[in-house]
């Protein structure tokens, strides 16, 4: 029995170690998308080398910044080869690491999917529990594997300065503060509790100017089947931006997917009050009425 247990353990270890890297699929448009863990060398080959090499070589690292990467025992990048921000920022980030002689064996690159059903997901769902809502996301880990901090999508100042700020443990003003706050609130409170705090949240986020911040986060929650959280986020965004068509369109689509046609149609009507000639909303309204 002991020998059998050892054999099973070895088999499981082999499976874990031999998970494929540089997986990809080719879409109907011929675009190749990397999925899951990818090697840095893969980006130096077609069809990725065109944007990787250009953005890497053209970027000039700020040599005046004293970047101490010693606290970062490992770094994980969540990105999408379909994402313009990833194509721009990841090569630049790698060049900064190279300029500091960082051990690139400690760098892990995880490529996420696009499209609604697998929205920003990895094949083995490595993004689960990591709260990835924008790509690229650069996560710095200490020697214990704990997260020190992260840079989400693009730097607030410069990549160099943001890296210094994050690793120093200083207060870092992420480019997506509302989504960051909601992630923290979901860790501390239930949806039921947050509903009671909605007026406080609306007041806290009243100065937000980015309608897509919570919209994108809501989609991530939705496609991860965190339905109550997604609904709360979509409702919050609709109240923050009542004059933006996209929030009503998104909420209508969400409620329709839940089979709540009355609520979906109500959201469509709110959107049409903002933009009466919106073709997509008019199509949704016609379709919903025909299915009553």
Protein backbone atom coordinates (compact mmCIF):
# COMPACT_ATOMS: atom_id res chain seq x y z
CA UNK A 1 0.00 0.00 0.00
CA UNK A 2 2.85 2.32 0.85
CA UNK A 3 4.47 1.62 -2.53
CA UNK A 4 1.16 2.31 -4.29
CA UNK A 5 0.84 5.67 -2.53
CA UNK A 6 4.36 6.60 -3.62
CA UNK A 7 3.58 5.66 -7.22
CA UNK A 8 0.40 7.77 -7.21
CA UNK A 9 2.29 10.71 -5.72
CA UNK A 10 4.98 10.44 -8.39
CA UNK A 11 2.35 10.28 -11.15
CA UNK A 12 0.58 13.37 -9.83
CA UNK A 13 3.89 15.21 -9.57
CA UNK A 14 4.75 14.26 -13.15
CA UNK A 15 1.38 15.50 -14.41
CA UNK A 16 1.81 18.81 -12.56
CA UNK A 17 5.34 19.27 -13.87
CA UNK A 18 4.50 18.30 -17.45
CA UNK A 19 1.63 20.71 -17.97
CA UNK A 20 2.17 22.06 -21.47
CA UNK A 21 3.42 25.57 -22.07
CA UNK A 22 2.99 27.79 -25.12
CA UNK A 23 -0.43 26.35 -25.88
CA UNK A 24 -2.37 28.27 -28.48
CA UNK A 25 -5.44 28.26 -30.64
CA UNK A 26 -6.06 29.77 -34.04
CA UNK A 27 -9.25 31.74 -34.43
CA UNK A 28 -11.47 31.94 -37.47
CA UNK A 29 -9.68 35.14 -38.45
CA UNK A 30 -6.34 33.34 -38.39
CA UNK A 31 -5.18 35.08 -35.22
CA UNK A 32 -3.08 32.86 -32.96
CA UNK A 33 -3.70 33.31 -29.23
CA UNK A 34 -1.42 31.91 -26.54
CA UNK A 35 -3.17 30.26 -23.59
CA UNK A 36 -1.79 29.40 -20.18
CA UNK A 37 1.86 29.53 -19.24
CA UNK A 38 4.18 30.82 -21.94
CA UNK A 39 7.93 31.02 -22.22
CA UNK A 40 9.60 34.34 -22.83
CA UNK A 41 11.32 32.91 -25.89
CA UNK A 42 7.95 32.23 -27.53
CA UNK A 43 7.33 35.96 -27.80
CA UNK A 44 10.50 36.29 -29.85
CA UNK A 45 8.98 34.07 -32.55
CA UNK A 46 6.21 34.64 -35.09
CA UNK A 47 3.56 35.89 -34.93
CA UNK A 48 4.37 37.66 -31.65
CA UNK A 49 7.90 38.84 -32.32
CA UNK A 50 6.71 41.70 -34.52
CA UNK A 51 5.17 43.59 -31.60
CA UNK A 52 7.33 42.11 -28.83
CA UNK A 53 10.69 42.96 -30.42
CA UNK A 54 9.58 46.43 -31.51
CA UNK A 55 8.20 47.46 -28.11
CA UNK A 56 11.13 45.87 -26.28
CA UNK A 57 13.89 47.39 -28.38
CA UNK A 58 12.37 50.86 -28.72
CA UNK A 59 11.79 51.30 -24.99
CA UNK A 60 14.45 53.28 -23.15
CA UNK A 61 14.75 52.21 -19.52
CA UNK A 62 15.09 55.15 -17.12
CA UNK A 63 18.61 54.61 -15.85
CA UNK A 64 18.21 57.42 -13.32
CA UNK A 65 15.81 55.30 -11.26
CA UNK A 66 17.31 53.06 -8.59
CA UNK A 67 15.21 49.92 -8.95
CA UNK A 68 15.83 47.34 -6.23
CA UNK A 69 14.17 44.07 -7.22
CA UNK A 70 15.65 42.06 -4.35
CA UNK A 71 12.29 41.92 -2.54
CA UNK A 72 10.61 40.31 -5.54
CA UNK A 73 11.44 36.63 -5.12
CA UNK A 74 9.14 35.93 -8.06
CA UNK A 75 6.96 37.84 -10.49
CA UNK A 76 3.85 36.70 -12.34
CA UNK A 77 2.45 38.45 -15.40
CA UNK A 78 -1.13 37.86 -16.45
CA UNK A 79 -1.55 39.07 -20.02
CA UNK A 80 -3.34 38.53 -23.30
CA UNK A 81 -1.60 38.21 -26.65
CA UNK A 82 -4.77 39.77 -28.08
CA UNK A 83 -4.49 42.83 -25.81
CA UNK A 84 -2.93 46.07 -27.00
CA UNK A 85 -1.90 47.09 -23.47
CA UNK A 86 -0.17 43.74 -22.95
CA UNK A 87 1.66 44.06 -26.27
CA UNK A 88 2.95 47.47 -25.20
CA UNK A 89 3.70 47.04 -21.50
CA UNK A 90 4.99 43.46 -21.21
CA UNK A 91 8.03 43.90 -23.49
CA UNK A 92 8.88 47.13 -21.67
CA UNK A 93 8.54 45.45 -18.29
CA UNK A 94 10.80 42.58 -19.33
CA UNK A 95 13.41 45.04 -20.60
CA UNK A 96 13.42 46.72 -17.18
CA UNK A 97 13.98 43.35 -15.50
CA UNK A 98 16.82 42.61 -17.91
CA UNK A 99 18.43 45.99 -17.21
CA UNK A 100 18.53 45.06 -13.51
CA UNK A 101 19.87 41.55 -14.19
CA UNK A 102 16.78 40.03 -12.62
CA UNK A 103 16.72 36.22 -12.71
CA UNK A 104 14.15 35.64 -15.45
CA UNK A 105 13.65 32.05 -14.31
CA UNK A 106 11.64 33.64 -11.49
CA UNK A 107 9.30 35.27 -14.02
CA UNK A 108 6.09 33.44 -14.87
CA UNK A 109 3.96 34.56 -17.80
CA UNK A 110 0.33 33.45 -17.88
CA UNK A 111 -1.70 34.14 -21.03
CA UNK A 112 -5.46 34.56 -20.71
CA UNK A 113 -8.27 33.98 -23.14
CA UNK A 114 -10.61 36.49 -24.69
CA UNK A 115 -14.21 36.16 -25.80
CA UNK A 116 -17.22 36.11 -23.50
CA UNK A 117 -17.32 32.48 -22.33
CA UNK A 118 -13.65 32.35 -21.32
CA UNK A 119 -13.22 36.02 -20.53
CA UNK A 120 -9.72 36.61 -19.13
CA UNK A 121 -9.37 33.00 -18.04
CA UNK A 122 -6.46 30.56 -18.26
CA UNK A 123 -6.89 26.89 -19.27
CA UNK A 124 -6.36 25.58 -15.72
CA UNK A 125 -8.02 28.68 -14.25
CA UNK A 126 -4.75 29.92 -12.78
CA UNK A 127 -6.31 33.37 -12.57
CA UNK A 128 -8.97 32.10 -10.15
CA UNK A 129 -8.71 33.82 -6.78
CA UNK A 130 -6.08 36.26 -8.04
CA UNK A 131 -8.63 38.98 -8.90
CA UNK A 132 -7.49 39.66 -12.44
CA UNK A 133 -9.80 42.16 -14.08
CA UNK A 134 -7.41 43.98 -16.41
CA UNK A 135 -4.41 42.82 -18.42
CA UNK A 136 -1.56 43.00 -18.20
CA UNK A 137 -1.31 42.61 -14.44
CA UNK A 138 2.18 42.40 -12.92
CA UNK A 139 2.23 40.72 -9.49
CA UNK A 140 5.28 40.80 -7.24
CA UNK A 141 5.74 38.00 -4.66
CA UNK A 142 8.02 37.79 -1.61
CA UNK A 143 10.10 34.77 -0.61
CA UNK A 144 7.05 33.25 1.10
CA UNK A 145 5.06 33.50 -2.11
CA UNK A 146 2.85 36.23 -0.69
CA UNK A 147 1.85 39.14 -2.89
CA UNK A 148 3.78 42.34 -2.23
CA UNK A 149 1.75 44.38 -4.68
CA UNK A 150 0.74 44.70 -8.31
CA UNK A 151 0.62 47.02 -11.29
CA UNK A 152 -2.65 46.77 -13.21
CA UNK A 153 -2.74 47.29 -17.00
CA UNK A 154 -0.58 50.40 -17.22
CA UNK A 155 1.63 52.46 -14.90
CA UNK A 156 0.27 55.41 -12.98
CA UNK A 157 3.58 57.27 -13.40
CA UNK A 158 6.16 55.13 -15.21
CA UNK A 159 6.83 51.42 -15.02
CA UNK A 160 10.12 52.11 -13.29
CA UNK A 161 8.62 54.42 -10.67
CA UNK A 162 5.60 52.20 -10.11
CA UNK A 163 7.83 49.16 -9.52
CA UNK A 164 9.83 51.14 -6.94
CA UNK A 165 6.64 52.30 -5.20
CA UNK A 166 5.08 48.84 -5.08
CA UNK A 167 8.21 47.08 -3.81
CA UNK A 168 8.82 49.78 -1.19
CA UNK A 169 5.40 49.00 0.26
CA UNK A 170 4.30 52.60 -0.19
CA UNK A 171 0.69 53.52 -0.84
CA UNK A 172 0.19 52.85 -4.53
CA UNK A 173 -2.54 54.70 -6.40
CA UNK A 174 -3.58 52.08 -8.96
CA UNK A 175 -5.12 53.17 -12.24
CA UNK A 176 -8.30 51.30 -11.20
CA UNK A 177 -9.04 52.33 -7.61
CA UNK A 178 -12.78 51.57 -7.72
CA UNK A 179 -12.29 47.97 -8.85
CA UNK A 180 -9.51 47.59 -6.27
CA UNK A 181 -11.84 48.82 -3.54
CA UNK A 182 -14.65 46.50 -4.62
CA UNK A 183 -12.29 43.51 -4.58
CA UNK A 184 -11.37 44.39 -1.00
CA UNK A 185 -15.00 44.91 0.00
CA UNK A 186 -15.99 41.51 -1.37
CA UNK A 187 -13.27 39.96 0.79
CA UNK A 188 -14.64 41.69 3.89
CA UNK A 189 -18.39 41.72 3.35
CA UNK A 190 -21.13 39.58 1.83
CA UNK A 191 -23.22 40.92 -1.04
CA UNK A 192 -26.14 41.23 1.38
CA UNK A 193 -24.04 43.41 3.68
CA UNK A 194 -22.77 45.52 0.79
CA UNK A 195 -26.31 46.19 -0.41
CA UNK A 196 -26.93 47.91 2.91
CA UNK A 197 -23.80 49.99 2.32
CA UNK A 198 -24.68 50.92 -1.28
CA UNK A 199 -25.33 54.61 -0.54
CA UNK A 200 -21.91 54.80 1.15
CA UNK A 201 -20.25 53.17 -1.84
CA UNK A 202 -21.99 55.50 -4.28
CA UNK A 203 -20.73 58.46 -2.30
CA UNK A 204 -17.22 56.98 -2.12
CA UNK A 205 -17.06 56.40 -5.88
CA UNK A 206 -18.98 59.48 -7.00
CA UNK A 207 -15.90 61.12 -8.53
CA UNK A 208 -15.09 58.09 -10.70
CA UNK A 209 -14.86 58.99 -14.38
CA UNK A 210 -14.24 55.56 -15.91
CA UNK A 211 -17.52 53.86 -16.81
CA UNK A 212 -15.65 50.77 -18.01
CA UNK A 213 -13.82 50.10 -14.74
CA UNK A 214 -16.68 48.34 -12.96
CA UNK A 215 -18.20 47.23 -16.25
CA UNK A 216 -15.13 45.12 -17.01
CA UNK A 217 -14.87 43.85 -13.44
CA UNK A 218 -18.52 42.84 -13.57
CA UNK A 219 -17.91 40.80 -16.72
CA UNK A 220 -15.04 38.98 -15.01
CA UNK A 221 -17.32 38.11 -12.09
CA UNK A 222 -20.12 37.08 -14.45
CA UNK A 223 -18.03 34.73 -16.56
CA UNK A 224 -16.52 33.28 -13.38
CA UNK A 225 -20.09 32.47 -12.24
CA UNK A 226 -19.96 34.84 -9.30
CA UNK A 227 -23.46 35.96 -10.21
CA UNK A 228 -24.59 37.85 -7.05
CA UNK A 229 -21.35 39.85 -7.02
CA UNK A 230 -21.60 40.56 -10.75
CA UNK A 231 -25.17 41.79 -10.38
CA UNK A 232 -24.23 44.07 -7.50
CA UNK A 233 -21.32 45.55 -9.49
CA UNK A 234 -23.47 46.12 -12.60
CA UNK A 235 -26.22 47.76 -10.52
CA UNK A 236 -23.68 49.98 -8.77
CA UNK A 237 -22.17 51.05 -12.08
CA UNK A 238 -25.61 51.84 -13.52
CA UNK A 239 -26.28 54.16 -10.59
CA UNK A 240 -22.86 55.78 -10.85
CA UNK A 241 -23.25 56.42 -14.59
CA UNK A 242 -26.99 56.70 -15.33
CA UNK A 243 -26.33 58.74 -18.49
CA UNK A 244 -24.01 56.16 -20.07
CA UNK A 245 -25.68 53.76 -22.49
CA UNK A 246 -23.14 50.99 -21.96
CA UNK A 247 -24.13 50.38 -18.32
CA UNK A 248 -27.79 49.84 -19.23
CA UNK A 249 -26.89 47.68 -22.20
CA UNK A 250 -24.63 45.49 -20.08
CA UNK A 251 -27.16 45.15 -17.28
CA UNK A 252 -29.90 44.28 -19.76
CA UNK A 253 -27.76 41.57 -21.29
CA UNK A 254 -26.89 40.22 -17.86
CA UNK A 255 -30.47 40.09 -16.60
CA UNK A 256 -31.67 38.53 -19.84
CA UNK A 257 -29.06 35.78 -19.43
CA UNK A 258 -30.50 35.13 -15.97
CA UNK A 259 -33.96 34.78 -17.50
CA UNK A 260 -35.20 38.00 -15.90
CA UNK A 261 -36.79 39.49 -19.00
CA UNK A 262 -38.77 42.21 -17.19
CA UNK A 263 -35.66 43.66 -15.54
CA UNK A 264 -33.70 43.34 -18.77
CA UNK A 265 -36.32 45.20 -20.77
CA UNK A 266 -36.48 47.88 -18.08
CA UNK A 267 -32.75 48.46 -18.43
CA UNK A 268 -33.06 48.64 -22.22
CA UNK A 269 -35.69 51.34 -21.84
CA UNK A 270 -33.40 53.30 -19.50
CA UNK A 271 -30.67 53.15 -22.13
CA UNK A 272 -33.03 54.31 -24.86
CA UNK A 273 -33.97 57.34 -22.78
CA UNK A 274 -30.31 58.30 -22.91
CA UNK A 275 -29.84 57.44 -26.58
CA UNK A 276 -33.18 56.84 -28.37
CA UNK A 277 -31.58 55.84 -31.68
CA UNK A 278 -29.11 53.32 -30.27
CA UNK A 279 -29.32 50.44 -32.77
CA UNK A 280 -28.18 47.70 -30.42
CA UNK A 281 -30.66 48.68 -27.73
CA UNK A 282 -33.46 48.91 -30.29
CA UNK A 283 -32.60 45.43 -31.52
CA UNK A 284 -32.59 44.12 -27.94
CA UNK A 285 -35.93 45.76 -27.26
CA UNK A 286 -37.48 44.26 -30.39
CA UNK A 287 -36.11 40.80 -29.63
CA UNK A 288 -37.24 40.89 -25.99
CA UNK A 289 -40.75 42.00 -26.90
CA UNK A 290 -41.02 39.24 -29.50
CA UNK A 291 -40.06 36.63 -26.92
CA UNK A 292 -42.62 37.72 -24.32
